[in-house]
């Protein structure tokens, strides 16, 4: 986008803005995708977020659950390890 192109959006009472169609098209944004805002002193940049699809996470979680089960590691073992790791 050149410095000459500007688009205006209104901020709602909930702090929401609509990304203009031209900007969505340029960034290739589609419904349900995530964006990242990076604020500076008086500006903010917007870019597409690199978020893994939910299915990827679920597949990873299933694989980990299988590996834990194969090794006899229970959910309680995992929760105990998390509590231990979080202790000051």
N, C-alpha and C. Protein backbone atom coordinates (compact mmCIF):
# COMPACT_ATOMS: atom_id res chain seq x y z
N UNK A 1 0.84 -1.18 0.00
CA UNK A 1 0.00 0.00 0.00
C UNK A 1 0.89 1.24 0.00
N UNK A 2 0.60 2.18 -0.83
CA UNK A 2 1.39 3.42 -0.86
C UNK A 2 0.96 4.33 0.27
N UNK A 3 1.80 5.35 0.56
CA UNK A 3 1.49 6.31 1.61
C UNK A 3 0.25 7.13 1.28
N UNK A 4 -0.15 7.19 0.01
CA UNK A 4 -1.29 7.99 -0.41
C UNK A 4 -2.63 7.31 -0.10
N UNK A 5 -2.63 6.00 0.02
CA UNK A 5 -3.88 5.29 0.26
C UNK A 5 -4.20 5.31 1.75
N UNK A 6 -5.39 5.79 2.07
CA UNK A 6 -5.83 5.86 3.45
C UNK A 6 -7.27 5.36 3.52
N UNK A 7 -7.59 4.68 4.57
CA UNK A 7 -8.94 4.17 4.78
C UNK A 7 -9.35 4.52 6.20
N UNK A 8 -10.60 4.83 6.39
CA UNK A 8 -11.11 5.24 7.70
C UNK A 8 -12.06 4.19 8.23
N UNK A 9 -11.93 3.88 9.52
CA UNK A 9 -12.85 3.00 10.22
C UNK A 9 -13.27 3.70 11.51
N UNK A 10 -14.48 3.44 11.94
CA UNK A 10 -15.01 4.02 13.17
C UNK A 10 -14.85 3.01 14.29
N UNK A 11 -14.44 3.47 15.46
CA UNK A 11 -14.31 2.61 16.63
C UNK A 11 -15.66 2.57 17.34
N UNK A 12 -16.16 1.35 17.61
CA UNK A 12 -17.44 1.20 18.29
C UNK A 12 -17.26 1.35 19.80
N UNK A 13 -18.37 1.36 20.52
CA UNK A 13 -18.33 1.46 21.98
C UNK A 13 -17.57 0.28 22.60
N UNK A 14 -17.54 -0.84 21.90
CA UNK A 14 -16.82 -2.03 22.39
C UNK A 14 -15.36 -2.06 21.92
N UNK A 15 -14.91 -0.98 21.26
CA UNK A 15 -13.53 -0.94 20.79
C UNK A 15 -13.29 -1.70 19.51
N UNK A 16 -14.33 -2.04 18.80
CA UNK A 16 -14.20 -2.81 17.56
C UNK A 16 -14.11 -1.87 16.36
N UNK A 17 -13.37 -2.32 15.35
CA UNK A 17 -13.29 -1.58 14.09
C UNK A 17 -13.52 -2.56 12.94
N UNK A 18 -13.99 -2.03 11.84
CA UNK A 18 -14.14 -2.83 10.63
C UNK A 18 -12.94 -2.58 9.75
N UNK A 19 -12.31 -3.65 9.30
CA UNK A 19 -11.18 -3.51 8.37
C UNK A 19 -11.78 -3.29 6.99
N UNK A 20 -11.45 -2.19 6.35
CA UNK A 20 -12.03 -1.92 5.03
C UNK A 20 -11.78 -3.07 4.05
N UNK A 21 -12.75 -3.27 3.17
CA UNK A 21 -12.70 -4.36 2.20
C UNK A 21 -11.40 -4.35 1.40
N UNK A 22 -10.97 -3.17 0.96
CA UNK A 22 -9.74 -3.06 0.15
C UNK A 22 -8.53 -3.58 0.92
N UNK A 23 -8.48 -3.29 2.22
CA UNK A 23 -7.35 -3.73 3.05
C UNK A 23 -7.43 -5.24 3.26
N UNK A 24 -8.63 -5.74 3.56
CA UNK A 24 -8.80 -7.20 3.73
C UNK A 24 -8.37 -7.94 2.47
N UNK A 25 -8.75 -7.41 1.32
CA UNK A 25 -8.39 -8.07 0.05
C UNK A 25 -6.87 -8.05 -0.14
N UNK A 26 -6.26 -6.92 0.11
CA UNK A 26 -4.79 -6.82 -0.06
C UNK A 26 -4.04 -7.78 0.85
N UNK A 27 -4.53 -7.93 2.09
CA UNK A 27 -3.87 -8.82 3.04
C UNK A 27 -4.32 -10.27 2.89
N UNK A 28 -5.35 -10.48 2.08
CA UNK A 28 -5.87 -11.84 1.91
C UNK A 28 -6.58 -12.35 3.13
N UNK A 29 -7.17 -11.44 3.92
CA UNK A 29 -7.86 -11.82 5.15
C UNK A 29 -9.26 -12.34 4.84
N UNK A 30 -9.60 -13.43 5.50
CA UNK A 30 -10.93 -14.00 5.35
C UNK A 30 -11.60 -14.10 6.71
N UNK A 31 -12.90 -14.25 6.69
CA UNK A 31 -13.66 -14.35 7.93
C UNK A 31 -13.08 -15.44 8.84
N UNK A 32 -12.95 -15.13 10.12
CA UNK A 32 -12.47 -16.10 11.10
C UNK A 32 -10.96 -16.07 11.30
N UNK A 33 -10.23 -15.38 10.43
CA UNK A 33 -8.78 -15.30 10.60
C UNK A 33 -8.44 -14.29 11.70
N UNK A 34 -7.22 -14.37 12.20
CA UNK A 34 -6.75 -13.47 13.24
C UNK A 34 -5.76 -12.48 12.66
N UNK A 35 -5.70 -11.31 13.30
CA UNK A 35 -4.73 -10.28 12.92
C UNK A 35 -3.94 -9.87 14.16
N UNK A 36 -2.78 -9.28 13.93
CA UNK A 36 -1.92 -8.78 15.00
C UNK A 36 -1.81 -7.27 14.85
N UNK A 37 -2.07 -6.55 15.92
CA UNK A 37 -1.89 -5.10 15.94
C UNK A 37 -0.58 -4.81 16.64
N UNK A 38 0.25 -3.95 16.05
CA UNK A 38 1.50 -3.54 16.68
C UNK A 38 1.47 -2.03 16.83
N UNK A 39 1.23 -1.54 18.06
CA UNK A 39 1.15 -0.10 18.27
C UNK A 39 2.52 0.54 18.44
N UNK A 40 2.65 1.78 17.95
CA UNK A 40 3.83 2.60 18.19
C UNK A 40 3.31 3.89 18.84
N UNK A 41 4.10 4.95 18.83
CA UNK A 41 3.67 6.20 19.48
C UNK A 41 2.30 6.68 19.01
N UNK A 42 2.14 6.86 17.71
CA UNK A 42 0.89 7.41 17.20
C UNK A 42 0.26 6.57 16.10
N UNK A 43 0.79 5.39 15.85
CA UNK A 43 0.28 4.53 14.79
C UNK A 43 0.18 3.10 15.29
N UNK A 44 -0.50 2.32 14.50
CA UNK A 44 -0.55 0.88 14.76
C UNK A 44 -0.52 0.19 13.41
N UNK A 45 0.25 -0.88 13.31
CA UNK A 45 0.25 -1.65 12.08
C UNK A 45 -0.59 -2.90 12.30
N UNK A 46 -1.13 -3.38 11.21
CA UNK A 46 -2.00 -4.56 11.23
C UNK A 46 -1.41 -5.58 10.27
N UNK A 47 -1.31 -6.82 10.72
CA UNK A 47 -0.83 -7.88 9.84
C UNK A 47 -1.55 -9.18 10.16
N UNK A 48 -1.56 -10.07 9.20
CA UNK A 48 -2.18 -11.37 9.39
C UNK A 48 -1.41 -12.13 10.46
N UNK A 49 -2.14 -12.78 11.36
CA UNK A 49 -1.52 -13.57 12.42
C UNK A 49 -1.25 -14.98 11.93
N UNK A 50 -0.12 -15.52 12.34
CA UNK A 50 0.22 -16.90 12.00
C UNK A 50 -0.29 -17.79 13.14
N UNK A 51 -1.53 -18.23 13.02
CA UNK A 51 -2.16 -19.05 14.05
C UNK A 51 -2.45 -20.42 13.45
N UNK A 52 -2.01 -21.44 14.15
CA UNK A 52 -2.25 -22.80 13.67
C UNK A 52 -3.73 -23.13 13.79
N UNK A 53 -4.27 -23.82 12.81
CA UNK A 53 -5.68 -24.23 12.90
C UNK A 53 -5.93 -25.11 14.12
N UNK A 54 -7.13 -25.05 14.67
CA UNK A 54 -7.48 -25.82 15.86
C UNK A 54 -7.20 -27.30 15.66
N UNK A 55 -7.45 -27.81 14.47
CA UNK A 55 -7.22 -29.22 14.19
C UNK A 55 -5.78 -29.63 14.41
N UNK A 56 -4.83 -28.74 14.09
CA UNK A 56 -3.41 -29.05 14.31
C UNK A 56 -3.14 -29.24 15.80
N UNK A 57 -3.72 -28.37 16.64
CA UNK A 57 -3.51 -28.48 18.08
C UNK A 57 -4.12 -29.78 18.61
N UNK A 58 -5.33 -30.08 18.15
CA UNK A 58 -6.00 -31.30 18.62
C UNK A 58 -5.22 -32.55 18.23
N UNK A 59 -4.67 -32.53 17.02
CA UNK A 59 -3.86 -33.67 16.57
C UNK A 59 -2.62 -33.82 17.44
N UNK A 60 -1.96 -32.72 17.76
CA UNK A 60 -0.78 -32.75 18.62
C UNK A 60 -1.15 -33.26 20.02
N UNK A 61 -2.26 -32.75 20.56
CA UNK A 61 -2.70 -33.18 21.89
C UNK A 61 -2.98 -34.68 21.92
N UNK A 62 -3.61 -35.19 20.88
CA UNK A 62 -3.89 -36.63 20.80
C UNK A 62 -2.60 -37.44 20.76
N UNK A 63 -1.63 -36.98 19.97
CA UNK A 63 -0.35 -37.69 19.87
C UNK A 63 0.38 -37.69 21.22
N UNK A 64 0.34 -36.55 21.91
CA UNK A 64 0.98 -36.48 23.22
C UNK A 64 0.28 -37.39 24.23
N UNK A 65 -1.04 -37.40 24.20
CA UNK A 65 -1.80 -38.27 25.11
C UNK A 65 -1.42 -39.74 24.90
N UNK A 66 -1.28 -40.14 23.64
CA UNK A 66 -0.88 -41.52 23.34
C UNK A 66 0.52 -41.81 23.88
N UNK A 67 1.44 -40.89 23.67
CA UNK A 67 2.82 -41.11 24.15
C UNK A 67 2.86 -41.17 25.67
N UNK A 68 2.09 -40.29 26.33
CA UNK A 68 2.05 -40.34 27.79
C UNK A 68 1.48 -41.67 28.27
N UNK A 69 0.39 -42.11 27.65
CA UNK A 69 -0.24 -43.37 28.04
C UNK A 69 0.73 -44.54 27.85
N UNK A 70 1.47 -44.53 26.75
CA UNK A 70 2.45 -45.60 26.49
C UNK A 70 3.52 -45.65 27.58
N UNK A 71 3.81 -44.53 28.18
CA UNK A 71 4.85 -44.46 29.22
C UNK A 71 4.27 -44.51 30.63
N UNK A 72 2.95 -44.67 30.73
CA UNK A 72 2.32 -44.76 32.05
C UNK A 72 2.19 -43.42 32.75
N UNK A 73 2.27 -42.33 32.00
CA UNK A 73 2.15 -40.99 32.60
C UNK A 73 0.67 -40.61 32.61
N UNK A 74 0.17 -40.29 33.80
CA UNK A 74 -1.25 -39.97 33.95
C UNK A 74 -1.47 -38.45 33.89
N UNK A 75 -2.74 -38.08 33.80
CA UNK A 75 -3.11 -36.66 33.82
C UNK A 75 -2.64 -36.02 35.13
N UNK A 76 -2.80 -36.76 36.25
CA UNK A 76 -2.34 -36.25 37.55
C UNK A 76 -0.84 -36.01 37.54
N UNK A 77 -0.08 -36.90 36.90
CA UNK A 77 1.38 -36.71 36.80
C UNK A 77 1.70 -35.40 36.08
N UNK A 78 0.98 -35.15 34.99
CA UNK A 78 1.21 -33.93 34.21
C UNK A 78 0.85 -32.70 35.03
N UNK A 79 -0.30 -32.74 35.71
CA UNK A 79 -0.71 -31.60 36.52
C UNK A 79 0.26 -31.35 37.67
N UNK A 80 0.78 -32.42 38.29
CA UNK A 80 1.78 -32.27 39.34
C UNK A 80 3.05 -31.62 38.79
N UNK A 81 3.47 -32.03 37.61
CA UNK A 81 4.67 -31.46 36.99
C UNK A 81 4.47 -29.97 36.68
N UNK A 82 3.28 -29.61 36.24
CA UNK A 82 3.00 -28.20 35.95
C UNK A 82 3.04 -27.39 37.24
N UNK A 83 2.41 -27.90 38.31
CA UNK A 83 2.44 -27.20 39.59
C UNK A 83 3.87 -27.03 40.07
N UNK A 84 4.67 -28.08 39.95
CA UNK A 84 6.08 -28.03 40.38
C UNK A 84 6.84 -26.96 39.58
N UNK A 85 6.60 -26.92 38.27
CA UNK A 85 7.31 -25.97 37.41
C UNK A 85 6.91 -24.52 37.72
N UNK A 86 5.71 -24.32 38.19
CA UNK A 86 5.22 -22.97 38.47
C UNK A 86 5.61 -22.48 39.87
N UNK A 87 6.11 -23.36 40.71
CA UNK A 87 6.49 -22.94 42.07
C UNK A 87 7.63 -21.94 42.00
N UNK A 88 7.53 -20.91 42.85
CA UNK A 88 8.61 -19.88 42.87
C UNK A 88 9.92 -20.42 43.39
